Amino acid sequence: MLNVATKFVPDVSFFDQAFHAGFHCGEFWLNEEWLLKVEAIIERAKYYPMKYVAHFPNKAVSSKGIECAVKLYRELGCRAMVIHEPMFRRHGEEILKLEPGLRLGVENHRLSPKEFEQWAEHYPGLTWDVEHFWKFTHEDCSLKDLLKYARTFLEKHVDKLRHVHLPGYVRGEEEHRPMYCNRDFVLAMFELFEEFRYDGLIVSEVDNEYQNPHDLRMDVLLFERWRLGKTAQM
């Protein structure tokens, strides 16, 4: 069964908000400042019965920051660690030296179709941002075509897929809106992920303005209704 998550700063108020909205999984937004508070984050995170993924900072960090990121991953049993390509090139070797078995998922961003395929082939672990895939790689193609391209990707690379970002992208609009903003897209992707037996987290990666009880709860309800519908069909 699929698991959906929300992405948030690991502050106590965001933990509470995510958990009370109904999320049982979370992805941490991190920078060096937050990483140096690793002990407090671990203590706080263990209070909640949630599964976690860490998002490595998008800017270079110190060796101490890398040690803290690995400690966070290890102590919380994180399902994966997301990392952008520039940071993987800069810090990936040091991260894996500290924790050789760490499940790093390198994220796609502004890639052409050819660059996207090279990304998918090159890295042993992938974080697939489906919004980036639609907006940048396939330049706001039709939903029908997007789902065709998504199927092709999963057929080739699902075994390398560590993590997924799936906001409710609307063609031509800004990024990072809640899943429920494009139900047809998100529900179709749920179906694909179930078909291909993807077992990582699917994250509603939304901007701060949508980090509120109403919008978070709406995304949980969207997923719960889909899941109930699948259960009724069994």
Protein backbone atom coordinates (compact mmCIF):
# COMPACT_ATOMS: atom_id res chain seq x y z
CA MET A 1 0.00 0.00 0.00
CA LEU A 2 1.22 3.48 -0.85
CA ASN A 3 2.26 6.02 1.79
CA VAL A 4 1.83 9.78 1.38
CA ALA A 5 3.85 12.38 3.28
CA THR A 6 4.20 16.11 3.68
CA LYS A 7 7.44 18.08 3.67
CA PHE A 8 8.13 20.49 6.53
CA VAL A 9 10.73 22.28 8.61
CA PRO A 10 11.44 20.04 11.66
CA ASP A 11 10.01 22.53 14.14
CA VAL A 12 7.58 21.28 16.78
CA SER A 13 4.65 23.28 15.39
CA PHE A 14 5.05 21.66 11.95
CA PHE A 15 5.27 18.18 13.44
CA ASP A 16 2.01 18.80 15.29
CA GLN A 17 0.30 20.28 12.26
CA ALA A 18 1.29 17.42 9.97
CA PHE A 19 0.37 14.70 12.44
CA HIS A 20 -3.00 16.19 13.39
CA ALA A 21 -3.86 16.66 9.71
CA GLY A 22 -3.54 12.88 9.40
CA PHE A 23 -0.08 12.40 7.89
CA HIS A 24 1.87 9.40 9.15
CA CYS A 25 4.99 10.20 7.13
CA GLY A 26 7.11 13.32 6.75
CA GLU A 27 10.06 14.68 4.81
CA PHE A 28 12.35 17.16 6.57
CA TRP A 29 13.45 20.38 4.89
CA LEU A 30 16.96 20.97 6.22
CA ASN A 31 19.79 23.48 6.14
CA GLU A 32 23.03 23.69 8.12
CA GLU A 33 21.35 25.55 10.99
CA TRP A 34 18.74 22.82 11.40
CA LEU A 35 21.29 20.03 11.05
CA LEU A 36 23.28 21.40 13.98
CA LYS A 37 20.13 20.93 16.09
CA VAL A 38 20.07 17.23 15.22
CA GLU A 39 19.67 15.93 18.79
CA ALA A 40 16.56 18.03 19.38
CA ILE A 41 15.08 17.01 16.02
CA ILE A 42 15.66 13.32 16.73
CA GLU A 43 14.05 13.58 20.17
CA ARG A 44 11.07 15.45 18.76
CA ALA A 45 10.64 13.12 15.78
CA LYS A 46 10.63 10.00 17.95
CA TYR A 47 7.66 11.39 19.87
CA TYR A 48 5.47 10.98 16.77
CA PRO A 49 4.60 7.57 15.28
CA MET A 50 5.75 8.63 11.81
CA LYS A 51 8.08 7.44 9.06
CA TYR A 52 10.65 9.96 7.83
CA VAL A 53 12.81 10.99 4.91
CA ALA A 54 15.54 13.64 5.15
CA HIS A 55 16.11 16.21 2.42
CA PHE A 56 19.79 17.11 2.36
CA PRO A 57 20.37 20.90 2.19
CA ASN A 58 20.44 22.48 -1.26
CA LYS A 59 23.52 24.51 -0.34
CA ALA A 60 26.96 23.25 0.66
CA VAL A 61 27.39 22.33 4.31
CA SER A 62 30.32 21.68 6.63
CA SER A 63 31.69 18.26 7.50
CA LYS A 64 29.91 18.62 10.84
CA GLY A 65 26.65 19.23 9.00
CA ILE A 66 27.19 16.07 6.95
CA GLU A 67 27.83 14.07 10.12
CA CYS A 68 24.59 15.43 11.59
CA ALA A 69 22.63 14.56 8.44
CA VAL A 70 23.88 10.97 8.58
CA LYS A 71 23.11 10.79 12.31
CA LEU A 72 19.55 12.01 11.66
CA TYR A 73 19.09 9.41 8.94
CA ARG A 74 20.50 6.62 11.09
CA GLU A 75 18.76 7.42 14.38
CA LEU A 76 15.31 7.85 12.80
CA GLY A 77 15.61 4.90 10.42
CA CYS A 78 14.82 7.22 7.52
CA ARG A 79 13.39 5.59 4.42
CA ALA A 80 15.73 7.63 2.18
CA MET A 81 17.72 10.83 1.93
CA VAL A 82 16.88 13.22 -0.93
CA ILE A 83 19.76 15.12 -2.48
CA HIS A 84 20.03 17.45 -5.49
CA GLU A 85 22.62 16.67 -8.17
CA PRO A 86 25.05 19.53 -7.32
CA MET A 87 25.11 18.50 -3.67
CA PHE A 88 25.54 14.85 -4.58
CA ARG A 89 28.55 15.71 -6.70
CA ARG A 90 29.95 17.80 -3.85
CA HIS A 91 29.08 15.73 -0.79
CA GLY A 92 27.86 12.30 -1.95
CA GLU A 93 31.17 10.51 -1.46
CA GLU A 94 31.57 11.83 2.09
CA ILE A 95 27.98 10.93 3.00
CA LEU A 96 28.35 7.37 1.74
CA LYS A 97 31.73 6.98 3.43
CA LEU A 98 30.03 7.67 6.78
CA GLU A 99 27.04 5.41 6.00
CA PRO A 100 27.71 3.10 3.02
CA GLY A 101 24.21 1.63 3.02
CA LEU A 102 22.43 4.99 3.09
CA ARG A 103 19.59 5.15 0.54
CA LEU A 104 20.39 8.34 -1.35
CA GLY A 105 17.86 9.47 -3.93
CA VAL A 106 19.24 12.04 -6.39
CA GLU A 107 16.47 14.41 -7.49
CA ASN A 108 15.72 15.54 -11.05
CA HIS A 109 15.20 19.25 -11.77
CA ARG A 110 15.39 21.29 -15.00
CA LEU A 111 16.31 18.45 -17.34
CA SER A 112 15.57 18.00 -21.04
CA PRO A 113 14.18 14.57 -22.05
CA LYS A 114 17.70 13.44 -23.03
CA GLU A 115 19.20 14.79 -19.77
CA PHE A 116 16.41 13.15 -17.78
CA GLU A 117 17.17 9.75 -19.26
CA GLN A 118 20.87 10.26 -18.55
CA TRP A 119 19.99 11.15 -14.93
CA ALA A 120 17.83 8.06 -14.57
CA GLU A 121 20.48 5.78 -16.05
CA HIS A 122 23.43 7.28 -14.16
CA TYR A 123 22.38 7.30 -10.50
CA PRO A 124 21.80 4.11 -8.50
CA GLY A 125 19.08 5.75 -6.39
CA LEU A 126 16.50 8.28 -7.61
CA THR A 127 14.12 10.84 -6.15
CA TRP A 128 11.57 11.49 -8.87
CA ASP A 129 9.97 14.93 -8.77
CA VAL A 130 6.96 14.38 -11.03
CA GLU A 131 6.17 18.10 -11.08
CA HIS A 132 9.64 18.88 -12.48
CA PHE A 133 9.18 16.03 -14.94
CA TRP A 134 5.96 17.62 -16.25
CA LYS A 135 6.80 21.33 -16.05
CA PHE A 136 10.43 21.29 -17.19
CA THR A 137 11.24 18.01 -18.92
CA HIS A 138 7.99 17.67 -20.88
CA GLU A 139 7.12 21.38 -20.93
CA ASP A 140 3.47 21.24 -19.86
CA CYS A 141 2.43 18.50 -22.26
CA SER A 142 -1.09 17.05 -22.03
CA LEU A 143 -1.95 14.90 -19.02
CA LYS A 144 -2.44 11.94 -21.36
CA ASP A 145 1.09 12.28 -22.71
CA LEU A 146 2.54 12.94 -19.26
CA LEU A 147 1.08 9.65 -17.99
CA LYS A 148 2.52 7.84 -21.02
CA TYR A 149 5.99 9.24 -20.27
CA ALA A 150 5.58 8.42 -16.57
CA ARG A 151 4.71 4.81 -17.39
CA THR A 152 7.80 4.49 -19.57
CA PHE A 153 9.99 5.83 -16.76
CA LEU A 154 8.54 3.39 -14.23
CA GLU A 155 8.89 0.45 -16.60
CA LYS A 156 12.61 1.17 -16.88
CA HIS A 157 13.59 2.52 -13.48
CA VAL A 158 11.10 1.70 -10.70
CA ASP A 159 13.68 -0.55 -9.02
CA LYS A 160 15.97 2.48 -8.54
CA LEU A 161 13.21 4.73 -7.21
CA ARG A 162 13.80 5.71 -3.58
CA HIS A 163 11.39 8.62 -3.15
CA VAL A 164 8.76 10.71 -4.97
CA HIS A 165 7.67 14.36 -4.93
CA LEU A 166 4.11 14.73 -6.21
CA PRO A 167 2.53 18.16 -5.71
CA GLY A 168 -0.79 18.89 -7.41
CA TYR A 169 0.74 20.61 -10.42
CA VAL A 170 -1.54 22.49 -12.81
CA ARG A 171 -0.08 23.15 -16.27
CA GLY A 172 1.24 26.69 -16.62
CA GLU A 173 0.87 27.46 -12.92
CA GLU A 174 3.40 27.88 -10.14
CA GLU A 175 5.05 24.89 -8.47
CA HIS A 176 4.40 23.31 -5.08
CA ARG A 177 0.62 23.38 -4.76
CA PRO A 178 -1.29 20.74 -2.75
CA MET A 179 -2.19 17.43 -4.34
CA TYR A 180 -5.91 18.20 -4.34
CA CYS A 181 -5.33 21.13 -6.73
CA ASN A 182 -5.10 18.59 -9.56
CA ARG A 183 -6.97 15.47 -8.50
CA ASP A 184 -7.04 13.86 -11.96
CA PHE A 185 -3.26 14.02 -12.23
CA VAL A 186 -2.51 12.88 -8.69
CA LEU A 187 -5.03 10.02 -8.65
CA ALA A 188 -3.72 8.76 -11.99
CA MET A 189 -0.19 8.77 -10.57
CA PHE A 190 -1.38 6.86 -7.47
CA GLU A 191 -2.71 4.20 -9.83
CA LEU A 192 0.62 3.96 -11.64
CA PHE A 193 2.61 3.73 -8.42
CA GLU A 194 0.36 0.97 -7.16
CA GLU A 195 0.57 -0.90 -10.46
CA PHE A 196 4.38 -0.84 -10.36
CA ARG A 197 4.49 -1.76 -6.64
CA TYR A 198 6.41 1.34 -5.61
CA ASP A 199 6.97 1.15 -1.84
CA GLY A 200 8.63 4.48 -0.97
CA LEU A 201 6.99 7.68 0.20
CA ILE A 202 4.98 10.03 -2.04
CA VAL A 203 5.35 13.60 -0.83
CA SER A 204 2.95 16.49 -1.26
CA GLU A 205 5.74 19.06 -1.51
CA VAL A 206 3.96 22.39 -0.99
CA ASP A 207 4.97 26.00 -0.39
CA ASN A 208 4.63 27.61 3.05
CA GLU A 209 1.32 29.26 2.23
CA TYR A 210 -0.24 25.79 1.95
CA GLN A 211 1.32 24.54 5.18
CA ASN A 212 -1.90 24.99 7.12
CA PRO A 213 -4.43 22.57 8.67
CA HIS A 214 -7.00 22.96 5.88
CA ASP A 215 -4.74 22.32 2.90
CA LEU A 216 -2.83 19.53 4.62
CA ARG A 217 -6.06 17.81 5.63
CA MET A 218 -7.45 18.10 2.10
CA ASP A 219 -4.46 16.16 0.76
CA VAL A 220 -4.86 13.47 3.40
CA LEU A 221 -8.54 13.11 2.54
CA LEU A 222 -7.74 12.82 -1.17
CA PHE A 223 -5.41 9.92 -0.47
CA GLU A 224 -7.70 8.26 2.07
CA ARG A 225 -10.66 8.34 -0.33
CA TRP A 226 -8.52 6.80 -3.07
CA ARG A 227 -7.31 4.10 -0.69
CA LEU A 228 -10.85 3.34 0.50
CA GLY A 229 -11.94 3.01 -3.10
CA LYS A 230 -9.16 0.50 -3.76
CA THR A 231 -10.12 -1.47 -0.64
CA ALA A 232 -13.77 -1.61 -1.75
CA GLN A 233 -12.69 -3.13 -5.06
CA MET A 234 -10.88 -6.03 -3.35
